[in-house]
Amino acid sequence: MTSATEPSDLENVLAGLTRLIRRRLRAGLRLPRLRGAEIELLRLVREHPGLRVSEAAKELGLAGNSVSTLVKGLVELGMLERVADPSDGRATLLHVTPEADRRLLEWQERRSVLVQKHIDRLSEQNRAALTAALPAMRALAASLHEEAESGLGVDDEADPDSGAVSENREGEEGI
């Protein structure tokens, strides 16, 4: 591994970018900020309408009671709706509200504009390098996601032939 691909260098750059983008976007917000875990739950439910709390907990790698607490708060804020599961009256299905959808879309749009503005300031060579790095970054994310799906932790050893990997979702506060 070269110094350019040292895990700590990559982690620091990615975390730093996320922090800087989040700070820049939060500066112009008037609404109460949502915590990272709340945003990740909203994104997940938006991607998978009708998700159960237990399924959300598994996907986010959180305890069920933690997700239940997040759901309760987001319902109170008008960001999530709980609907009775027609196939199991004891269970509820989660759906984002139009307000949550609007906030997620607005955040995504503002983030894209901000990042594009700064990409445009880079040299052509650096823009090409970022574009060339995207497939490797997607492969890294897929590997991490597969490990999470397999149930392996950071210290567990995976079968090298299984392709097992985990998604570490770093939330974005402020939307």
Protein backbone atom coordinates (compact mmCIF):
# COMPACT_ATOMS: atom_id res chain seq x y z
CA MET A 1 0.00 0.00 0.00
CA THR A 2 1.40 3.39 -0.94
CA SER A 3 1.17 6.42 1.31
CA ALA A 4 -1.65 7.70 -0.92
CA THR A 5 -3.79 4.70 0.04
CA GLU A 6 -2.94 4.40 3.73
CA PRO A 7 -6.21 3.70 5.54
CA SER A 8 -5.68 6.52 8.04
CA ASP A 9 -5.04 9.04 5.24
CA LEU A 10 -8.17 7.96 3.37
CA GLU A 11 -10.28 7.95 6.55
CA ASN A 12 -9.05 11.39 7.58
CA VAL A 13 -9.71 12.92 4.17
CA LEU A 14 -13.20 11.41 3.91
CA ALA A 15 -14.15 12.40 7.46
CA GLY A 16 -12.73 15.87 6.94
CA LEU A 17 -14.65 16.37 3.70
CA THR A 18 -17.87 15.23 5.33
CA ARG A 19 -17.34 17.55 8.30
CA LEU A 20 -16.52 20.56 6.11
CA ILE A 21 -19.49 20.00 3.82
CA ARG A 22 -21.81 19.54 6.81
CA ARG A 23 -20.54 22.74 8.48
CA ARG A 24 -20.93 24.79 5.31
CA LEU A 25 -24.48 23.57 4.75
CA ARG A 26 -25.60 23.98 8.35
CA ALA A 27 -24.56 27.64 8.32
CA GLY A 28 -27.60 28.70 6.28
CA LEU A 29 -30.26 26.62 8.03
CA ARG A 30 -33.10 28.16 9.97
CA LEU A 31 -34.88 24.91 10.90
CA PRO A 32 -33.92 22.85 13.93
CA ARG A 33 -31.10 20.52 12.96
CA LEU A 34 -31.57 16.79 12.87
CA ARG A 35 -28.89 14.52 14.31
CA GLY A 36 -26.89 12.25 12.04
CA ALA A 37 -28.71 9.09 13.13
CA GLU A 38 -32.08 10.75 12.47
CA ILE A 39 -31.00 11.74 8.99
CA GLU A 40 -29.68 8.27 8.23
CA LEU A 41 -32.97 6.74 9.38
CA LEU A 42 -34.95 9.16 7.21
CA ARG A 43 -32.75 8.38 4.20
CA LEU A 44 -33.15 4.66 4.77
CA VAL A 45 -36.94 4.87 5.10
CA ARG A 46 -37.09 7.10 2.03
CA GLU A 47 -35.15 4.45 0.07
CA HIS A 48 -37.29 1.63 1.51
CA PRO A 49 -40.81 2.86 2.26
CA GLY A 50 -42.72 0.53 4.56
CA LEU A 51 -39.63 -0.58 6.44
CA ARG A 52 -40.14 -2.05 9.91
CA VAL A 53 -38.25 -0.70 12.92
CA SER A 54 -36.42 -4.03 13.32
CA GLU A 55 -35.31 -3.95 9.67
CA ALA A 56 -34.13 -0.35 10.04
CA ALA A 57 -32.18 -1.27 13.18
CA LYS A 58 -30.44 -4.11 11.37
CA GLU A 59 -29.57 -1.98 8.35
CA LEU A 60 -28.26 0.90 10.49
CA GLY A 61 -26.40 -1.38 12.88
CA LEU A 62 -28.27 0.05 15.87
CA ALA A 63 -30.20 -1.53 18.72
CA GLY A 64 -33.94 -1.83 18.13
CA ASN A 65 -34.77 0.35 21.14
CA SER A 66 -32.44 3.07 19.82
CA VAL A 67 -34.24 3.09 16.49
CA SER A 68 -37.61 3.08 18.28
CA THR A 69 -36.50 6.20 20.16
CA LEU A 70 -35.39 7.84 16.90
CA VAL A 71 -38.70 6.92 15.26
CA LYS A 72 -40.69 8.38 18.17
CA GLY A 73 -38.80 11.67 17.94
CA LEU A 74 -39.13 11.89 14.16
CA VAL A 75 -42.87 11.13 14.36
CA GLU A 76 -43.22 13.97 16.90
CA LEU A 77 -41.34 16.29 14.52
CA GLY A 78 -43.65 15.31 11.66
CA MET A 79 -40.83 13.67 9.68
CA LEU A 80 -41.95 10.03 9.89
CA GLU A 81 -45.31 8.28 9.83
CA ARG A 82 -46.05 4.92 11.40
CA VAL A 83 -48.64 2.85 9.55
CA ALA A 84 -50.09 -0.42 10.84
CA ASP A 85 -48.74 -3.43 8.95
CA PRO A 86 -51.76 -5.00 7.21
CA SER A 87 -50.19 -8.46 7.51
CA ASP A 88 -49.33 -8.12 11.22
CA GLY A 89 -51.43 -5.77 13.32
CA ARG A 90 -48.74 -5.67 16.04
CA ALA A 91 -46.11 -4.22 13.70
CA THR A 92 -45.81 -0.79 12.11
CA LEU A 93 -44.35 0.26 8.81
CA LEU A 94 -42.38 3.48 8.45
CA HIS A 95 -42.83 6.17 5.80
CA VAL A 96 -41.25 9.61 5.42
CA THR A 97 -43.61 12.55 5.39
CA PRO A 98 -43.69 15.08 2.55
CA GLU A 99 -41.88 17.53 4.88
CA ALA A 100 -39.05 15.06 5.49
CA ASP A 101 -38.83 14.32 1.78
CA ARG A 102 -38.63 18.05 1.03
CA ARG A 103 -35.87 18.57 3.60
CA LEU A 104 -33.86 15.60 2.33
CA LEU A 105 -34.15 16.79 -1.27
CA GLU A 106 -33.21 20.36 -0.32
CA TRP A 107 -30.16 19.17 1.64
CA GLN A 108 -29.07 16.92 -1.23
CA GLU A 109 -29.45 19.75 -3.74
CA ARG A 110 -27.54 22.25 -1.57
CA ARG A 111 -24.79 19.68 -0.99
CA SER A 112 -24.46 18.98 -4.72
CA VAL A 113 -24.23 22.68 -5.56
CA LEU A 114 -21.58 23.25 -2.88
CA VAL A 115 -19.44 20.28 -3.89
CA GLN A 116 -19.74 21.07 -7.62
CA LYS A 117 -18.63 24.65 -7.00
CA HIS A 118 -15.46 23.39 -5.34
CA ILE A 119 -14.83 20.64 -7.88
CA ASP A 120 -15.01 23.30 -10.58
CA ARG A 121 -12.21 25.21 -8.81
CA LEU A 122 -9.84 22.22 -9.09
CA SER A 123 -7.36 21.77 -11.88
CA GLU A 124 -8.37 19.55 -14.77
CA GLN A 125 -5.84 16.98 -13.56
CA ASN A 126 -7.38 16.86 -10.08
CA ARG A 127 -10.92 16.62 -11.50
CA ALA A 128 -9.78 13.68 -13.65
CA ALA A 129 -8.17 12.04 -10.62
CA LEU A 130 -11.41 12.35 -8.63
CA THR A 131 -13.38 10.83 -11.50
CA ALA A 132 -10.86 7.99 -11.83
CA ALA A 133 -11.07 7.29 -8.07
CA LEU A 134 -14.87 6.89 -8.01
CA PRO A 135 -14.96 3.21 -9.08
CA ALA A 136 -12.47 2.31 -6.34
CA MET A 137 -14.45 4.30 -3.77
CA ARG A 138 -17.67 2.54 -4.83
CA ALA A 139 -15.93 -0.84 -4.54
CA LEU A 140 -14.69 0.08 -1.06
CA ALA A 141 -18.23 1.10 -0.02
CA ALA A 142 -19.64 -2.15 -1.46
CA SER A 143 -17.05 -4.17 0.43
CA LEU A 144 -17.92 -2.42 3.69
CA HIS A 145 -21.64 -2.92 3.02
CA GLU A 146 -21.23 -6.64 2.29
CA GLU A 147 -19.32 -7.11 5.55
CA ALA A 148 -22.14 -5.43 7.48
CA GLU A 149 -24.67 -7.68 5.76
CA SER A 150 -22.65 -10.74 6.75
CA GLY A 151 -22.80 -9.72 10.41
CA LEU A 152 -19.02 -9.59 10.79
CA GLY A 153 -17.50 -6.93 12.98
CA VAL A 154 -14.27 -4.96 12.57
CA ASP A 155 -12.27 -7.52 14.53
CA ASP A 156 -13.86 -10.59 12.94
CA GLU A 157 -12.06 -12.40 10.18
CA ALA A 158 -13.99 -12.93 6.99
CA ASP A 159 -13.55 -15.82 4.62
CA PRO A 160 -11.54 -14.18 1.81
CA ASP A 161 -13.67 -16.01 -0.75
CA SER A 162 -16.95 -14.77 0.73
CA GLY A 163 -16.47 -11.13 -0.22
CA ALA A 164 -17.97 -10.16 3.14
CA VAL A 165 -17.99 -6.40 3.96
CA SER A 166 -19.92 -3.26 6.20
CA GLU A 167 -21.32 0.09 5.61
CA ASN A 168 -20.32 2.65 8.17
CA ARG A 169 -22.89 5.39 7.80
CA GLU A 170 -21.58 8.67 9.03
CA GLY A 171 -24.58 10.88 9.49
CA GLU A 172 -24.88 14.43 8.35
CA GLU A 173 -26.34 16.79 10.89
CA GLY A 174 -28.27 19.79 9.91
CA ILE A 175 -30.95 19.06 7.38
